[in-house]
Amino acid sequence: MKPLVSIIMGSTSDLTIMEKAAKLLDEMQIPFELNALSAHRTPEAVESFAKNAAGRGLKVIIAGAGMAAALPGVIAANTILPVIGVPIRGSALNGVDALYSILQMPPGIPVATVAIDGAMNAAILSVQMLALSDAELAKKFAAYKDGLKQKIEKANAELEEVRYSYKTN
């Protein structure tokens, strides 16, 4: 089974954030790979990975990085595949530095960017991209979205049972 999505992180210390993407892809039964590469410490490996990603059958790359957060941009510069950047909190600037680094890409080298520590949304975007050409995955994702709706409806119904002296509903 070849991976369709690659989850790349700048360091294994980012795994606690990036595993949220892995868990969702696993739930959706989408083959993926999980690796650590550093744009600053292993630049040749990052370039090689990015240049060979499409040829290996990958369809989407999720790249998480903190601080200077060059990883998503370096990957995007070296591939034709869509790259989704996940800014990771961890510096004195609480991830805002990573957010700006990933957002502020030059024209022609876009990186879709999710919220700080938003790996789950990166996975959801990946699923949506893949579902454009996979009807079965589209059905599975629609069921997932319906489950989110049902979860909120259930929570709201449970709130109706909560009693306070001045609560009017």
Protein backbone atom coordinates (compact mmCIF):
# COMPACT_ATOMS: atom_id res chain seq x y z
CA MET A 1 0.00 0.00 0.00
CA LYS A 2 1.55 3.29 -1.11
CA PRO A 3 1.02 6.42 0.98
CA LEU A 4 -1.20 9.17 -0.45
CA VAL A 5 -0.38 11.72 2.24
CA SER A 6 2.94 12.50 3.83
CA ILE A 7 3.06 14.01 7.30
CA ILE A 8 6.41 15.68 7.83
CA MET A 9 7.56 17.41 10.99
CA GLY A 10 10.68 19.37 11.73
CA SER A 11 11.40 17.33 14.85
CA THR A 12 9.93 14.35 16.66
CA SER A 13 9.07 16.76 19.47
CA ASP A 14 6.27 17.91 17.12
CA LEU A 15 4.67 14.46 17.15
CA THR A 16 2.20 15.29 19.93
CA ILE A 17 0.66 17.87 17.57
CA MET A 18 1.11 16.07 14.25
CA GLU A 19 -0.33 12.77 15.52
CA LYS A 20 -3.75 14.41 15.41
CA ALA A 21 -3.43 14.41 11.62
CA ALA A 22 -2.21 10.82 11.63
CA LYS A 23 -5.17 9.69 13.74
CA LEU A 24 -7.72 11.27 11.41
CA LEU A 25 -6.08 9.87 8.28
CA ASP A 26 -6.00 6.47 9.96
CA GLU A 27 -9.70 6.78 10.85
CA MET A 28 -10.49 7.65 7.22
CA GLN A 29 -8.36 4.67 6.08
CA ILE A 30 -6.05 6.84 4.00
CA PRO A 31 -2.52 5.45 3.62
CA PHE A 32 0.05 7.91 4.93
CA GLU A 33 3.65 8.15 5.99
CA LEU A 34 5.12 9.96 8.97
CA ASN A 35 8.65 11.37 8.98
CA ALA A 36 10.87 13.98 10.60
CA LEU A 37 12.94 16.19 8.31
CA SER A 38 14.52 19.54 9.08
CA ALA A 39 14.81 22.34 6.56
CA HIS A 40 17.79 23.65 8.51
CA ARG A 41 19.52 20.48 9.72
CA THR A 42 18.81 18.15 6.76
CA PRO A 43 18.21 20.50 3.81
CA GLU A 44 19.37 18.00 1.18
CA ALA A 45 17.00 15.34 2.50
CA VAL A 46 14.08 17.80 2.46
CA GLU A 47 14.84 18.80 -1.12
CA SER A 48 15.14 15.18 -2.23
CA PHE A 49 11.91 14.23 -0.44
CA ALA A 50 9.99 17.09 -2.06
CA LYS A 51 11.37 16.54 -5.56
CA ASN A 52 10.50 12.83 -5.44
CA ALA A 53 7.14 13.05 -3.62
CA ALA A 54 4.85 13.15 -6.68
CA GLY A 55 6.78 10.35 -8.38
CA ARG A 56 6.25 8.16 -5.33
CA GLY A 57 2.47 8.56 -5.65
CA LEU A 58 1.91 11.08 -2.87
CA LYS A 59 -1.01 13.45 -3.41
CA VAL A 60 -0.79 15.85 -0.45
CA ILE A 61 1.92 16.86 2.01
CA ILE A 62 1.24 18.09 5.53
CA ALA A 63 4.29 19.82 6.98
CA GLY A 64 4.47 20.97 10.59
CA ALA A 65 7.18 23.25 11.88
CA GLY A 66 7.81 25.70 14.67
CA MET A 67 9.84 28.86 15.11
CA ALA A 68 11.31 29.92 11.73
CA ALA A 69 9.09 27.22 10.14
CA ALA A 70 10.92 26.99 6.84
CA LEU A 71 9.99 23.33 6.26
CA PRO A 72 6.59 23.79 4.54
CA GLY A 73 7.93 26.50 2.24
CA VAL A 74 11.06 24.58 1.26
CA ILE A 75 8.92 21.56 0.45
CA ALA A 76 6.46 23.69 -1.57
CA ALA A 77 9.36 25.22 -3.51
CA ASN A 78 10.45 21.76 -4.62
CA THR A 79 7.19 19.98 -5.49
CA ILE A 80 4.05 20.44 -7.56
CA LEU A 81 1.93 18.80 -4.84
CA PRO A 82 -0.27 20.80 -2.49
CA VAL A 83 1.44 21.50 0.82
CA ILE A 84 -0.48 22.24 4.00
CA GLY A 85 1.55 23.96 6.69
CA VAL A 86 0.93 23.47 10.39
CA PRO A 87 2.55 26.18 12.52
CA ILE A 88 3.63 24.65 15.81
CA ARG A 89 3.68 26.44 19.15
CA GLY A 90 6.87 26.06 21.09
CA SER A 91 8.87 29.24 21.01
CA ALA A 92 8.75 32.38 23.11
CA LEU A 93 6.29 33.71 20.52
CA ASN A 94 3.80 30.84 21.06
CA GLY A 95 3.74 29.80 17.42
CA VAL A 96 3.00 33.23 15.95
CA ASP A 97 6.49 33.27 14.43
CA ALA A 98 5.82 29.90 12.76
CA LEU A 99 2.39 31.08 11.59
CA TYR A 100 3.81 34.16 9.90
CA SER A 101 6.70 32.18 8.39
CA ILE A 102 4.30 29.71 6.79
CA LEU A 103 1.70 32.28 5.73
CA GLN A 104 4.09 34.74 4.10
CA MET A 105 5.18 32.69 1.10
CA PRO A 106 6.22 34.46 -2.10
CA PRO A 107 3.99 34.41 -5.19
CA GLY A 108 4.10 31.07 -6.96
CA ILE A 109 5.02 29.04 -3.86
CA PRO A 110 1.76 28.78 -1.89
CA VAL A 111 1.41 26.84 1.33
CA ALA A 112 -2.11 26.33 2.63
CA THR A 113 -1.90 27.21 6.31
CA VAL A 114 -4.03 26.09 9.24
CA ALA A 115 -4.17 27.42 12.79
CA ILE A 116 -1.31 27.11 15.23
CA ASP A 117 -1.18 23.44 16.28
CA GLY A 118 -4.04 22.76 13.79
CA ALA A 119 -2.83 19.39 12.51
CA MET A 120 -6.34 17.91 12.56
CA ASN A 121 -7.60 20.60 10.18
CA ALA A 122 -4.61 19.91 7.93
CA ALA A 123 -5.71 16.28 7.78
CA ILE A 124 -9.29 17.32 7.07
CA LEU A 125 -8.10 19.49 4.17
CA SER A 126 -6.13 16.51 2.87
CA VAL A 127 -9.21 14.31 3.04
CA GLN A 128 -11.26 16.93 1.19
CA MET A 129 -8.63 17.18 -1.56
CA LEU A 130 -8.44 13.41 -1.97
CA ALA A 131 -12.23 13.08 -1.90
CA LEU A 132 -12.49 15.21 -5.06
CA SER A 133 -11.43 12.15 -7.05
CA ASP A 134 -12.59 9.37 -4.71
CA ALA A 135 -16.36 8.96 -4.37
CA GLU A 136 -16.06 6.37 -1.59
CA LEU A 137 -13.85 8.67 0.47
CA ALA A 138 -16.29 11.54 -0.18
CA LYS A 139 -19.11 9.44 1.32
CA LYS A 140 -16.95 8.53 4.31
CA PHE A 141 -16.03 12.18 4.85
CA ALA A 142 -19.68 13.26 4.58
CA ALA A 143 -20.50 10.74 7.32
CA TYR A 144 -17.66 12.14 9.43
CA LYS A 145 -19.04 15.67 9.04
CA ASP A 146 -22.53 14.43 9.90
CA GLY A 147 -21.06 12.87 13.05
CA LEU A 148 -19.68 16.27 14.06
CA LYS A 149 -23.14 17.77 13.64
CA GLN A 150 -24.76 14.99 15.68
CA LYS A 151 -22.21 15.44 18.46
CA ILE A 152 -23.14 19.13 18.83
CA GLU A 153 -26.87 18.40 18.65
CA LYS A 154 -26.46 15.80 21.42
CA ALA A 155 -24.42 18.21 23.56
CA ASN A 156 -27.06 20.90 23.11
CA ALA A 157 -29.83 18.48 24.14
CA GLU A 158 -27.82 17.58 27.24
CA LEU A 159 -27.48 21.28 28.07
CA GLU A 160 -31.26 21.57 28.10
CA GLU A 161 -31.26 19.19 31.08
CA VAL A 162 -28.83 21.33 33.08
CA ARG A 163 -30.76 23.29 35.70
CA TYR A 164 -29.98 26.68 37.24
CA SER A 165 -32.29 28.98 39.14
CA TYR A 166 -32.25 31.68 36.48
CA LYS A 167 -31.72 29.58 33.35
CA THR A 168 -34.63 30.17 31.00
CA ASN A 169 -34.26 27.25 28.56
